[in-house]
C-alpha atoms as a PDB file:
ATOM      1  CA  MET A   1     171.590  78.111  35.415  1.00  0.00           C
ATOM      2  CA  SER A   2     173.048  80.731  33.095  1.00  0.00           C
ATOM      3  CA  GLU A   3     171.495  84.104  32.353  1.00  0.00           C
ATOM      4  CA  ARG A   4     170.077  84.935  28.943  1.00  0.00           C
ATOM      5  CA  LYS A   5     172.294  87.417  27.096  1.00  0.00           C
ATOM      6  CA  GLU A   6     169.824  88.436  24.418  1.00  0.00           C
ATOM      7  CA  THR A   7     168.963  92.056  23.687  1.00  0.00           C
ATOM      8  CA  SER A   8     165.824  93.563  22.210  1.00  0.00           C
ATOM      9  CA  THR A   9     165.293  93.139  18.480  1.00  0.00           C
ATOM     10  CA  VAL A  10     162.415  95.650  18.451  1.00  0.00           C
ATOM     11  CA  ASN A  11     163.113  99.343  17.957  1.00  0.00           C
ATOM     12  CA  TRP A  12     160.000 100.537  19.722  1.00  0.00           C
ATOM     13  CA  SER A  13     160.517 104.214  18.922  1.00  0.00           C
ATOM     14  CA  GLU A  14     160.292 103.385  15.203  1.00  0.00           C
ATOM     15  CA  ALA A  15     157.535 100.775  15.539  1.00  0.00           C
ATOM     16  CA  SER A  16     153.798 100.944  14.975  1.00  0.00           C
ATOM     17  CA  VAL A  17     152.107  98.843  17.658  1.00  0.00           C
ATOM     18  CA  MET A  18     148.537  97.577  17.995  1.00  0.00           C
ATOM     19  CA  ILE A  19     146.809  96.129  21.062  1.00  0.00           C
ATOM     20  CA  THR A  20     143.551  94.203  20.608  1.00  0.00           C
ATOM     21  CA  GLY A  21     141.199  94.286  23.558  1.00  0.00           C
ATOM     22  CA  GLY A  22     142.932  97.568  24.206  1.00  0.00           C
ATOM     23  CA  THR A  23     140.316  98.991  26.583  1.00  0.00           C
ATOM     24  CA  GLY A  24     140.554  96.076  29.042  1.00  0.00           C
ATOM     25  CA  SER A  25     142.715  95.912  32.170  1.00  0.00           C
ATOM     26  CA  PHE A  26     145.740  94.584  30.277  1.00  0.00           C
ATOM     27  CA  GLY A  27     145.210  97.015  27.420  1.00  0.00           C
ATOM     28  CA  ASN A  28     145.037 100.081  29.663  1.00  0.00           C
ATOM     29  CA  LYS A  29     148.217  99.142  31.499  1.00  0.00           C
ATOM     30  CA  PHE A  30     149.940  98.210  28.216  1.00  0.00           C
ATOM     31  CA  VAL A  31     149.145 101.634  26.747  1.00  0.00           C
ATOM     32  CA  GLU A  32     150.337 103.374  29.918  1.00  0.00           C
ATOM     33  CA  ILE A  33     153.676 101.523  29.950  1.00  0.00           C
ATOM     34  CA  MET A  34     154.204 101.850  26.202  1.00  0.00           C
ATOM     35  CA  LEU A  35     153.708 105.605  26.263  1.00  0.00           C
ATOM     36  CA  GLU A  36     155.800 106.153  29.405  1.00  0.00           C
ATOM     37  CA  ARG A  37     158.787 103.918  28.595  1.00  0.00           C
ATOM     38  CA  TYR A  38     158.911 102.855  24.957  1.00  0.00           C
ATOM     39  CA  HIS A  39     157.475 105.780  22.964  1.00  0.00           C
ATOM     40  CA  PRO A  40     156.260 103.909  19.851  1.00  0.00           C
ATOM     41  CA  ARG A  41     155.824 105.861  16.639  1.00  0.00           C
ATOM     42  CA  ARG A  42     152.170 104.844  16.582  1.00  0.00           C
ATOM     43  CA  LEU A  43     150.067 102.977  19.145  1.00  0.00           C
ATOM     44  CA  VAL A  44     146.684 101.648  18.013  1.00  0.00           C
ATOM     45  CA  VAL A  45     143.967 100.632  20.490  1.00  0.00           C
ATOM     46  CA  PHE A  46     141.558  98.144  18.893  1.00  0.00           C
ATOM     47  CA  SER A  47     138.380  97.249  20.814  1.00  0.00           C
ATOM     48  CA  ARG A  48     134.590  97.040  20.590  1.00  0.00           C
ATOM     49  CA  ASP A  49     133.693  99.533  23.321  1.00  0.00           C
ATOM     50  CA  GLU A  50     133.466 103.141  22.155  1.00  0.00           C
ATOM     51  CA  LEU A  51     132.687 104.411  25.678  1.00  0.00           C
ATOM     52  CA  LYS A  52     135.844 102.867  27.126  1.00  0.00           C
ATOM     53  CA  GLN A  53     137.801 104.230  24.186  1.00  0.00           C
ATOM     54  CA  SER A  54     136.416 107.695  24.915  1.00  0.00           C
ATOM     55  CA  GLU A  55     137.508 107.345  28.540  1.00  0.00           C
ATOM     56  CA  MET A  56     140.994 106.293  27.418  1.00  0.00           C
ATOM     57  CA  MET A  57     141.197 109.294  25.076  1.00  0.00           C
ATOM     58  CA  THR A  58     140.562 111.521  28.072  1.00  0.00           C
ATOM     59  CA  ARG A  59     143.124 109.713  30.228  1.00  0.00           C
ATOM     60  CA  PHE A  60     145.867 109.354  27.617  1.00  0.00           C
ATOM     61  CA  LYS A  61     146.406 112.476  25.548  1.00  0.00           C
ATOM     62  CA  HIS A  62     149.283 111.525  23.261  1.00  0.00           C
ATOM     63  CA  PRO A  63     149.985 112.281  19.589  1.00  0.00           C
ATOM     64  CA  SER A  64     151.007 108.709  18.757  1.00  0.00           C
ATOM     65  CA  LEU A  65     147.763 107.166  20.079  1.00  0.00           C
ATOM     66  CA  ARG A  66     145.041 105.990  17.667  1.00  0.00           C
ATOM     67  CA  PHE A  67     141.707 104.288  18.349  1.00  0.00           C
ATOM     68  CA  PHE A  68     139.879 101.769  16.160  1.00  0.00           C
ATOM     69  CA  VAL A  69     136.389 100.585  17.060  1.00  0.00           C
ATOM     70  CA  GLY A  70     136.229  97.002  15.825  1.00  0.00           C
ATOM     71  CA  ASP A  71     135.759  93.360  16.707  1.00  0.00           C
ATOM     72  CA  VAL A  72     138.271  90.550  16.211  1.00  0.00           C
ATOM     73  CA  ARG A  73     135.396  88.629  14.629  1.00  0.00           C
ATOM     74  CA  ASP A  74     135.604  91.088  11.707  1.00  0.00           C
ATOM     75  CA  LYS A  75     138.651  90.189   9.604  1.00  0.00           C
ATOM     76  CA  GLU A  76     138.228  93.121   7.203  1.00  0.00           C
ATOM     77  CA  ARG A  77     138.276  95.592  10.082  1.00  0.00           C
ATOM     78  CA  LEU A  78     141.369  93.910  11.514  1.00  0.00           C
ATOM     79  CA  GLU A  79     143.111  94.204   8.155  1.00  0.00           C
ATOM     80  CA  ARG A  80     142.324  97.915   7.989  1.00  0.00           C
ATOM     81  CA  ALA A  81     143.548  98.465  11.555  1.00  0.00           C
ATOM     82  CA  MET A  82     146.755  96.464  10.964  1.00  0.00           C
ATOM     83  CA  HIS A  83     147.802  98.384   7.859  1.00  0.00           C
ATOM     84  CA  GLY A  84     151.342  99.622   8.536  1.00  0.00           C
ATOM     85  CA  ILE A  85     151.517  97.876  11.933  1.00  0.00           C
ATOM     86  CA  ASP A  86     154.794  96.205  12.993  1.00  0.00           C
ATOM     87  CA  VAL A  87     153.820  94.568  16.314  1.00  0.00           C
ATOM     88  CA  VAL A  88     150.440  93.238  17.486  1.00  0.00           C
ATOM     89  CA  VAL A  89     149.709  92.229  21.077  1.00  0.00           C
ATOM     90  CA  HIS A  90     146.486  90.220  21.057  1.00  0.00           C
ATOM     91  CA  ALA A  91     144.631  90.503  24.375  1.00  0.00           C
ATOM     92  CA  ALA A  92     140.999  90.535  23.195  1.00  0.00           C
ATOM     93  CA  ALA A  93     138.964  87.660  24.628  1.00  0.00           C
ATOM     94  CA  LEU A  94     135.751  86.638  26.320  1.00  0.00           C
ATOM     95  CA  LYS A  95     137.093  85.416  29.653  1.00  0.00           C
ATOM     96  CA  GLN A  96     134.253  85.150  32.187  1.00  0.00           C
ATOM     97  CA  ILE A  97     133.979  81.404  32.795  1.00  0.00           C
ATOM     98  CA  THR A  98     130.244  81.271  33.515  1.00  0.00           C
ATOM     99  CA  SER A  99     129.427  83.570  30.604  1.00  0.00           C
ATOM    100  CA  CYS A 100     131.430  81.390  28.234  1.00  0.00           C
ATOM    101  CA  GLU A 101     129.606  78.292  29.466  1.00  0.00           C
ATOM    102  CA  TYR A 102     126.215  79.933  28.970  1.00  0.00           C
ATOM    103  CA  ASN A 103     127.170  81.424  25.576  1.00  0.00           C
ATOM    104  CA  PRO A 104     129.508  78.749  24.198  1.00  0.00           C
ATOM    105  CA  PHE A 105     129.584  79.665  20.535  1.00  0.00           C
ATOM    106  CA  GLU A 106     130.031  83.344  21.361  1.00  0.00           C
ATOM    107  CA  ALA A 107     133.200  82.349  23.220  1.00  0.00           C
ATOM    108  CA  ILE A 108     134.338  80.306  20.220  1.00  0.00           C
ATOM    109  CA  GLN A 109     133.573  83.189  17.841  1.00  0.00           C
ATOM    110  CA  THR A 110     135.832  85.564  19.787  1.00  0.00           C
ATOM    111  CA  ASN A 111     138.469  83.338  21.367  1.00  0.00           C
ATOM    112  CA  VAL A 112     139.028  80.894  18.492  1.00  0.00           C
ATOM    113  CA  ILE A 113     137.731  82.336  15.221  1.00  0.00           C
ATOM    114  CA  GLY A 114     138.833  85.788  16.352  1.00  0.00           C
ATOM    115  CA  VAL A 115     142.377  84.472  16.825  1.00  0.00           C
ATOM    116  CA  LYS A 116     142.310  82.968  13.327  1.00  0.00           C
ATOM    117  CA  ASN A 117     141.276  86.371  11.992  1.00  0.00           C
ATOM    118  CA  VAL A 118     144.137  88.075  13.846  1.00  0.00           C
ATOM    119  CA  ILE A 119     146.607  85.544  12.401  1.00  0.00           C
ATOM    120  CA  ASP A 120     145.325  85.868   8.836  1.00  0.00           C
ATOM    121  CA  ALA A 121     145.140  89.671   8.948  1.00  0.00           C
ATOM    122  CA  ALA A 122     148.645  89.960  10.429  1.00  0.00           C
ATOM    123  CA  ILE A 123     150.150  87.781   7.693  1.00  0.00           C
ATOM    124  CA  ASP A 124     148.261  89.565   4.912  1.00  0.00           C
ATOM    125  CA  GLN A 125     149.232  93.024   6.223  1.00  0.00           C
ATOM    126  CA  GLY A 126     152.906  92.183   6.771  1.00  0.00           C
ATOM    127  CA  VAL A 127     152.938  92.538  10.578  1.00  0.00           C
ATOM    128  CA  LYS A 128     156.335  91.434  11.878  1.00  0.00           C
ATOM    129  CA  ARG A 129     155.420  90.090  15.363  1.00  0.00           C
ATOM    130  CA  VAL A 130     152.235  88.922  17.036  1.00  0.00           C
ATOM    131  CA  MET A 131     152.172  88.083  20.746  1.00  0.00           C
ATOM    132  CA  ALA A 132     148.986  86.478  22.096  1.00  0.00           C
ATOM    133  CA  ILE A 133     148.043  86.662  25.781  1.00  0.00           C
ATOM    134  CA  SER A 134     146.868  83.337  27.236  1.00  0.00           C
ATOM    135  CA  THR A 135     146.029  81.901  30.642  1.00  0.00           C
ATOM    136  CA  ASP A 136     146.674  78.977  32.954  1.00  0.00           C
ATOM    137  CA  LYS A 137     143.079  77.913  32.158  1.00  0.00           C
ATOM    138  CA  ALA A 138     144.395  76.669  28.776  1.00  0.00           C
ATOM    139  CA  VAL A 139     146.380  73.912  30.536  1.00  0.00           C
ATOM    140  CA  ASN A 140     144.335  70.717  30.920  1.00  0.00           C
ATOM    141  CA  PRO A 141     141.127  72.756  30.495  1.00  0.00           C
ATOM    142  CA  ILE A 142     137.955  71.781  32.343  1.00  0.00           C
ATOM    143  CA  ASN A 143     135.748  74.655  31.176  1.00  0.00           C
ATOM    144  CA  LEU A 144     134.937  76.138  27.780  1.00  0.00           C
ATOM    145  CA  TYR A 145     136.950  79.293  28.374  1.00  0.00           C
ATOM    146  CA  GLY A 146     140.083  77.203  28.971  1.00  0.00           C
ATOM    147  CA  ALA A 147     139.286  75.025  25.952  1.00  0.00           C
ATOM    148  CA  THR A 148     138.993  78.057  23.676  1.00  0.00           C
ATOM    149  CA  LYS A 149     142.294  79.444  24.969  1.00  0.00           C
ATOM    150  CA  LEU A 150     143.968  76.077  24.351  1.00  0.00           C
ATOM    151  CA  CYS A 151     142.678  76.185  20.760  1.00  0.00           C
ATOM    152  CA  ALA A 152     143.892  79.776  20.485  1.00  0.00           C
ATOM    153  CA  GLU A 153     147.390  78.795  21.645  1.00  0.00           C
ATOM    154  CA  LYS A 154     147.519  75.987  19.065  1.00  0.00           C
ATOM    155  CA  LEU A 155     146.410  78.330  16.287  1.00  0.00           C
ATOM    156  CA  VAL A 156     148.947  80.994  17.242  1.00  0.00           C
ATOM    157  CA  VAL A 157     151.875  78.573  17.473  1.00  0.00           C
ATOM    158  CA  GLN A 158     151.062  76.897  14.153  1.00  0.00           C
ATOM    159  CA  GLY A 159     150.442  80.289  12.557  1.00  0.00           C
ATOM    160  CA  ASN A 160     154.202  80.366  12.093  1.00  0.00           C
ATOM    161  CA  ALA A 161     153.880  77.674   9.401  1.00  0.00           C
ATOM    162  CA  TYR A 162     152.183  80.298   7.228  1.00  0.00           C
ATOM    163  CA  GLY A 163     153.651  83.470   8.675  1.00  0.00           C
ATOM    164  CA  HIS A 164     157.338  82.601   8.985  1.00  0.00           C
ATOM    165  CA  PRO A 165     157.946  82.368   5.199  1.00  0.00           C
ATOM    166  CA  ARG A 166     156.415  85.861   4.911  1.00  0.00           C
ATOM    167  CA  SER A 167     158.389  87.275   7.887  1.00  0.00           C
ATOM    168  CA  THR A 168     155.472  87.281  10.340  1.00  0.00           C
ATOM    169  CA  ILE A 169     156.106  85.385  13.575  1.00  0.00           C
ATOM    170  CA  PHE A 170     153.701  84.407  16.370  1.00  0.00           C
ATOM    171  CA  SER A 171     154.201  83.484  20.031  1.00  0.00           C
ATOM    172  CA  VAL A 172     152.186  83.196  23.256  1.00  0.00           C
ATOM    173  CA  VAL A 173     152.515  84.500  26.816  1.00  0.00           C
ATOM    174  CA  ARG A 174     150.726  82.374  29.441  1.00  0.00           C
ATOM    175  CA  TYR A 175     150.324  83.298  33.113  1.00  0.00           C
ATOM    176  CA  GLY A 176     147.947  83.063  36.086  1.00  0.00           C
ATOM    177  CA  ASN A 177     145.663  85.351  38.107  1.00  0.00           C
ATOM    178  CA  VAL A 178     146.309  89.059  37.702  1.00  0.00           C
ATOM    179  CA  ILE A 179     146.108  91.326  40.723  1.00  0.00           C
ATOM    180  CA  GLY A 180     144.275  94.477  39.709  1.00  0.00           C
ATOM    181  CA  SER A 181     142.462  93.047  36.697  1.00  0.00           C
ATOM    182  CA  ARG A 182     138.699  93.165  36.257  1.00  0.00           C
ATOM    183  CA  GLY A 183     137.042  90.123  37.800  1.00  0.00           C
ATOM    184  CA  SER A 184     139.804  89.469  40.337  1.00  0.00           C
ATOM    185  CA  VAL A 185     138.706  87.886  43.622  1.00  0.00           C
ATOM    186  CA  ILE A 186     140.576  90.513  45.662  1.00  0.00           C
ATOM    187  CA  PRO A 187     137.983  93.305  45.171  1.00  0.00           C
ATOM    188  CA  LEU A 188     135.303  90.761  46.140  1.00  0.00           C
ATOM    189  CA  PHE A 189     137.100  89.939  49.389  1.00  0.00           C
ATOM    190  CA  GLU A 190     137.586  93.648  50.121  1.00  0.00           C
ATOM    191  CA  GLU A 191     133.862  94.205  49.648  1.00  0.00           C
ATOM    192  CA  GLN A 192     132.864  91.185  51.747  1.00  0.00           C
ATOM    193  CA  LYS A 193     135.111  92.056  54.679  1.00  0.00           C
ATOM    194  CA  ARG A 194     132.678  94.855  55.555  1.00  0.00           C
ATOM    195  CA  THR A 195     130.204  92.132  56.547  1.00  0.00           C
ATOM    196  CA  GLY A 196     132.755  90.185  58.587  1.00  0.00           C
ATOM    197  CA  MET A 197     132.334  87.059  56.440  1.00  0.00           C
ATOM    198  CA  VAL A 198     134.161  86.022  53.259  1.00  0.00           C
ATOM    199  CA  THR A 199     133.001  83.291  50.877  1.00  0.00           C
ATOM    200  CA  VAL A 200     135.583  80.652  49.935  1.00  0.00           C
ATOM    201  CA  THR A 201     134.940  77.708  47.623  1.00  0.00           C
ATOM    202  CA  ASP A 202     137.565  75.378  49.138  1.00  0.00           C
ATOM    203  CA  PRO A 203     140.064  76.212  51.934  1.00  0.00           C
ATOM    204  CA  SER A 204     142.806  74.066  50.350  1.00  0.00           C
ATOM    205  CA  MET A 205     142.695  75.953  47.036  1.00  0.00           C
ATOM    206  CA  THR A 206     145.889  77.587  45.724  1.00  0.00           C
ATOM    207  CA  ARG A 207     146.430  80.148  42.980  1.00  0.00           C
ATOM    208  CA  PHE A 208     149.268  81.758  41.030  1.00  0.00           C
ATOM    209  CA  TRP A 209     149.483  85.563  41.271  1.00  0.00           C
ATOM    210  CA  ILE A 210     151.074  88.294  39.188  1.00  0.00           C
ATOM    211  CA  ARG A 211     150.633  92.078  39.240  1.00  0.00           C
ATOM    212  CA  LEU A 212     149.122  93.685  36.163  1.00  0.00           C
ATOM    213  CA  ASP A 213     152.218  95.758  35.436  1.00  0.00           C
ATOM    214  CA  GLU A 214     154.403  92.646  35.802  1.00  0.00           C
ATOM    215  CA  GLY A 215     152.245  90.783  33.276  1.00  0.00           C
ATOM    216  CA  VAL A 216     152.516  93.640  30.800  1.00  0.00           C
ATOM    217  CA  ASP A 217     156.277  93.972  31.333  1.00  0.00           C
ATOM    218  CA  PHE A 218     156.705  90.240  30.782  1.00  0.00           C
ATOM    219  CA  ALA A 219     154.672  90.323  27.567  1.00  0.00           C
ATOM    220  CA  ILE A 220     156.729  93.222  26.224  1.00  0.00           C
ATOM    221  CA  ARG A 221     160.059  91.568  27.072  1.00  0.00           C
ATOM    222  CA  CYS A 222     158.946  88.317  25.442  1.00  0.00           C
ATOM    223  CA  THR A 223     157.805  90.207  22.347  1.00  0.00           C
ATOM    224  CA  GLU A 224     161.320  91.586  22.080  1.00  0.00           C
ATOM    225  CA  ARG A 225     162.905  88.127  22.300  1.00  0.00           C
ATOM    226  CA  MET A 226     160.381  85.899  20.537  1.00  0.00           C
ATOM    227  CA  ARG A 227     161.520  83.641  17.715  1.00  0.00           C
ATOM    228  CA  GLY A 228     158.091  82.426  16.685  1.00  0.00           C
ATOM    229  CA  GLY A 229     156.316  79.377  18.112  1.00  0.00           C
ATOM    230  CA  GLU A 230     157.162  79.570  21.820  1.00  0.00           C
ATOM    231  CA  ILE A 231     154.859  79.766  24.795  1.00  0.00           C
ATOM    232  CA  PHE A 232     156.456  81.966  27.467  1.00  0.00           C
ATOM    233  CA  VAL A 233     155.595  81.234  31.109  1.00  0.00           C
ATOM    234  CA  PRO A 234     156.884  83.524  33.894  1.00  0.00           C
ATOM    235  CA  LYS A 235     157.970  82.216  37.276  1.00  0.00           C
ATOM    236  CA  ILE A 236     155.422  83.718  39.646  1.00  0.00           C
ATOM    237  CA  PRO A 237     154.419  83.114  43.277  1.00  0.00           C
ATOM    238  CA  SER A 238     151.548  81.054  44.666  1.00  0.00           C
ATOM    239  CA  MET A 239     149.250  81.708  47.598  1.00  0.00           C
ATOM    240  CA  ARG A 240     146.723  79.609  49.489  1.00  0.00           C
ATOM    241  CA  ILE A 241     143.246  81.067  49.265  1.00  0.00           C
ATOM    242  CA  VAL A 242     142.845  81.085  53.070  1.00  0.00           C
ATOM    243  CA  ASP A 243     146.106  83.046  53.376  1.00  0.00           C
ATOM    244  CA  LEU A 244     144.796  85.469  50.753  1.00  0.00           C
ATOM    245  CA  VAL A 245     141.651  86.018  52.823  1.00  0.00           C
ATOM    246  CA  GLU A 246     143.741  86.666  55.929  1.00  0.00           C
ATOM    247  CA  ALA A 247     145.874  89.162  53.980  1.00  0.00           C
ATOM    248  CA  ILE A 248     142.949  91.058  52.441  1.00  0.00           C
ATOM    249  CA  ALA A 249     140.213  90.589  55.077  1.00  0.00           C
ATOM    250  CA  PRO A 250     141.960  89.739  58.368  1.00  0.00           C
ATOM    251  CA  GLY A 251     139.776  88.421  61.159  1.00  0.00           C
ATOM    252  CA  CYS A 252     136.797  87.634  58.932  1.00  0.00           C
ATOM    253  CA  ARG A 253     134.935  84.335  59.215  1.00  0.00           C
ATOM    254  CA  LEU A 254     135.005  81.922  56.277  1.00  0.00           C
ATOM    255  CA  ASP A 255     131.846  80.750  54.544  1.00  0.00           C
ATOM    256  CA  VAL A 256     132.896  77.612  52.620  1.00  0.00           C
ATOM    257  CA  ILE A 257     130.453  77.373  49.693  1.00  0.00           C
ATOM    258  CA  GLY A 258     132.008  74.494  47.741  1.00  0.00           C
ATOM    259  CA  ILE A 259     134.024  74.450  44.538  1.00  0.00           C
ATOM    260  CA  ARG A 260     132.164  75.855  41.550  1.00  0.00           C
ATOM    261  CA  PRO A 261     131.588  73.994  38.255  1.00  0.00           C
ATOM    262  CA  GLY A 262     134.551  74.507  35.917  1.00  0.00           C
ATOM    263  CA  GLU A 263     136.851  75.586  38.756  1.00  0.00           C
ATOM    264  CA  LYS A 264     140.121  73.853  39.637  1.00  0.00           C
ATOM    265  CA  LEU A 265     141.485  73.258  43.100  1.00  0.00           C
ATOM    266  CA  HIS A 266     144.985  74.181  41.914  1.00  0.00           C
ATOM    267  CA  GLU A 267     146.203  75.959  38.830  1.00  0.00           C
ATOM    268  CA  MET A 268     148.749  74.694  36.339  1.00  0.00           C
ATOM    269  CA  LEU A 269     150.963  76.682  34.001  1.00  0.00           C
ATOM    270  CA  ILE A 270     152.947  73.764  32.550  1.00  0.00           C
ATOM    271  CA  SER A 271     151.440  70.286  32.409  1.00  0.00           C
ATOM    272  CA  GLU A 272     153.336  67.042  32.856  1.00  0.00           C
ATOM    273  CA  ASP A 273     153.104  66.433  29.125  1.00  0.00           C
ATOM    274  CA  GLU A 274     154.429  69.902  28.240  1.00  0.00           C
ATOM    275  CA  VAL A 275     157.509  69.533  30.450  1.00  0.00           C
ATOM    276  CA  ARG A 276     159.289  67.639  27.657  1.00  0.00           C
ATOM    277  CA  GLN A 277     159.135  70.774  25.507  1.00  0.00           C
ATOM    278  CA  ALA A 278     159.984  73.262  28.265  1.00  0.00           C
ATOM    279  CA  VAL A 279     163.299  75.040  28.826  1.00  0.00           C
ATOM    280  CA  GLU A 280     163.810  76.612  32.257  1.00  0.00           C
ATOM    281  CA  PHE A 281     165.547  79.940  32.870  1.00  0.00           C
ATOM    282  CA  ASP A 282     166.006  81.949  36.052  1.00  0.00           C
ATOM    283  CA  ASP A 283     162.845  84.000  35.554  1.00  0.00           C
ATOM    284  CA  MET A 284     160.707  81.969  33.147  1.00  0.00           C
ATOM    285  CA  PHE A 285     160.029  78.813  31.168  1.00  0.00           C
ATOM    286  CA  VAL A 286     159.933  78.633  27.385  1.00  0.00           C
ATOM    287  CA  ILE A 287     157.731  75.891  25.927  1.00  0.00           C
ATOM    288  CA  GLU A 288     159.084  75.102  22.486  1.00  0.00           C
ATOM    289  CA  PRO A 289     156.712  74.038  19.676  1.00  0.00           C
ATOM    290  CA  ILE A 290     155.977  70.335  19.245  1.00  0.00           C
ATOM    291  CA  TYR A 291     155.706  70.290  15.447  1.00  0.00           C
ATOM    292  CA  PRO A 292     157.702  73.211  14.012  1.00  0.00           C
ATOM    293  CA  SER A 293     157.498  72.987  10.212  1.00  0.00           C
ATOM    294  CA  TRP A 294     159.305  76.338  10.050  1.00  0.00           C
ATOM    295  CA  PRO A 295     162.978  76.980  10.944  1.00  0.00           C
ATOM    296  CA  PHE A 296     162.782  77.214  14.744  1.00  0.00           C
ATOM    297  CA  PRO A 297     166.061  77.842  16.611  1.00  0.00           C
ATOM    298  CA  ALA A 298     166.134  76.006  19.931  1.00  0.00           C
ATOM    299  CA  TRP A 299     166.489  78.127  23.060  1.00  0.00           C
ATOM    300  CA  GLU A 300     169.936  77.871  24.633  1.00  0.00           C
ATOM    301  CA  GLY A 301     171.342  78.948  27.993  1.00  0.00           C
ATOM    302  CA  GLY A 302     168.685  77.238  30.081  1.00  0.00           C
ATOM    303  CA  LYS A 303     168.052  73.703  31.259  1.00  0.00           C
ATOM    304  CA  ARG A 304     165.355  71.200  30.448  1.00  0.00           C
ATOM    305  CA  ALA A 305     162.411  71.406  32.853  1.00  0.00           C
ATOM    306  CA  THR A 306     161.743  68.268  34.872  1.00  0.00           C
ATOM    307  CA  ASN A 307     158.419  68.857  36.665  1.00  0.00           C
ATOM    308  CA  ARG A 308     154.981  70.243  36.000  1.00  0.00           C
ATOM    309  CA  TYR A 309     154.517  73.836  37.117  1.00  0.00           C
ATOM    310  CA  SER A 310     151.442  74.075  39.341  1.00  0.00           C
ATOM    311  CA  SER A 311     150.316  76.443  42.076  1.00  0.00           C
ATOM    312  CA  ASP A 312     150.331  73.756  44.783  1.00  0.00           C
ATOM    313  CA  ALA A 313     153.836  72.456  43.955  1.00  0.00           C
ATOM    314  CA  ASN A 314     155.416  75.891  43.580  1.00  0.00           C
ATOM    315  CA  HIS A 315     158.675  76.789  45.347  1.00  0.00           C
ATOM    316  CA  TRP A 316     157.694  80.473  45.688  1.00  0.00           C
ATOM    317  CA  TRP A 317     154.931  81.375  48.153  1.00  0.00           C
ATOM    318  CA  LEU A 318     153.592  84.803  49.026  1.00  0.00           C
ATOM    319  CA  SER A 319     153.298  85.954  52.612  1.00  0.00           C
ATOM    320  CA  GLY A 320     150.347  88.023  53.736  1.00  0.00           C
ATOM    321  CA  ALA A 321     152.502  91.155  53.863  1.00  0.00           C
ATOM    322  CA  GLU A 322     153.784  90.541  50.337  1.00  0.00           C
ATOM    323  CA  MET A 323     150.242  90.093  49.012  1.00  0.00           C
ATOM    324  CA  ARG A 324     149.074  93.300  50.676  1.00  0.00           C
ATOM    325  CA  GLU A 325     152.024  95.119  49.120  1.00  0.00           C
ATOM    326  CA  MET A 326     151.262  93.648  45.681  1.00  0.00           C
ATOM    327  CA  ALA A 327     147.579  94.550  45.991  1.00  0.00           C
ATOM    328  CA  ARG A 328     148.466  98.147  46.869  1.00  0.00           C
ATOM    329  CA  GLY A 329     150.949  98.362  43.965  1.00  0.00           C
END
């Protein structure tokens, strides 16, 4: 398989960049990496939480950093925030599965209608690139959160039909569980190990894993190389949940509580039906759009994928030592 030879088409030092959901786990790490490595001309944090923004102001003291209190449900506020912006990374979402099930239309308001607002505002304000952050839950969804992210992916990809003629392009990054993000099971296991017993829903469960900084790095690299309409999927390792327990809480007893509603036994990043659109490279897959009504150049230098990409059929498995190292990182 040949290496990709492409170089960045984003001059970050001259770019104005905006991150929605900027006070979340992804947003904080994105801001940190952007300021340390890429030095954008302006970096706008857009989020609803003024307290978290205040905390970020204290942590990151940088002349290029700006903060907008706003909600992706508010298109007018998005338009104001996107004025003069070149690149938008859209990470804002309601993502707690049980909360989305209990508050279904709230999830739709943020995760679906909010995405439409981001797309419309970006086109109207002349943003050049929009990269949306998605999740494995969008593949063959069985809960509302996954269903809203599937809708979001479809909206973002087809946003190119309107944006491409006006020089605004849209793409998606999709990956699995993030080590170090809020809501991760690892802090739960670390807390439970004090009792000597860890709760597990099903011992045969497997999950994909990626570090937070790796997810941010991948999103930035894909933003540099996007053509508009792709879904980028990184090649990341899997781990069995019982091996994760042994890595994080060695010697603890398992309390098997049964799989929860809306939870999958194994995760999937590329479904059997998506394989036909997927191009495989050494470090990632690129899922090309099914119905591109805009000029979409096919990705070259890779090979056509042949199998679904799921956590149980992965070729890359983490050892306990590797997981402990990733968790410390």
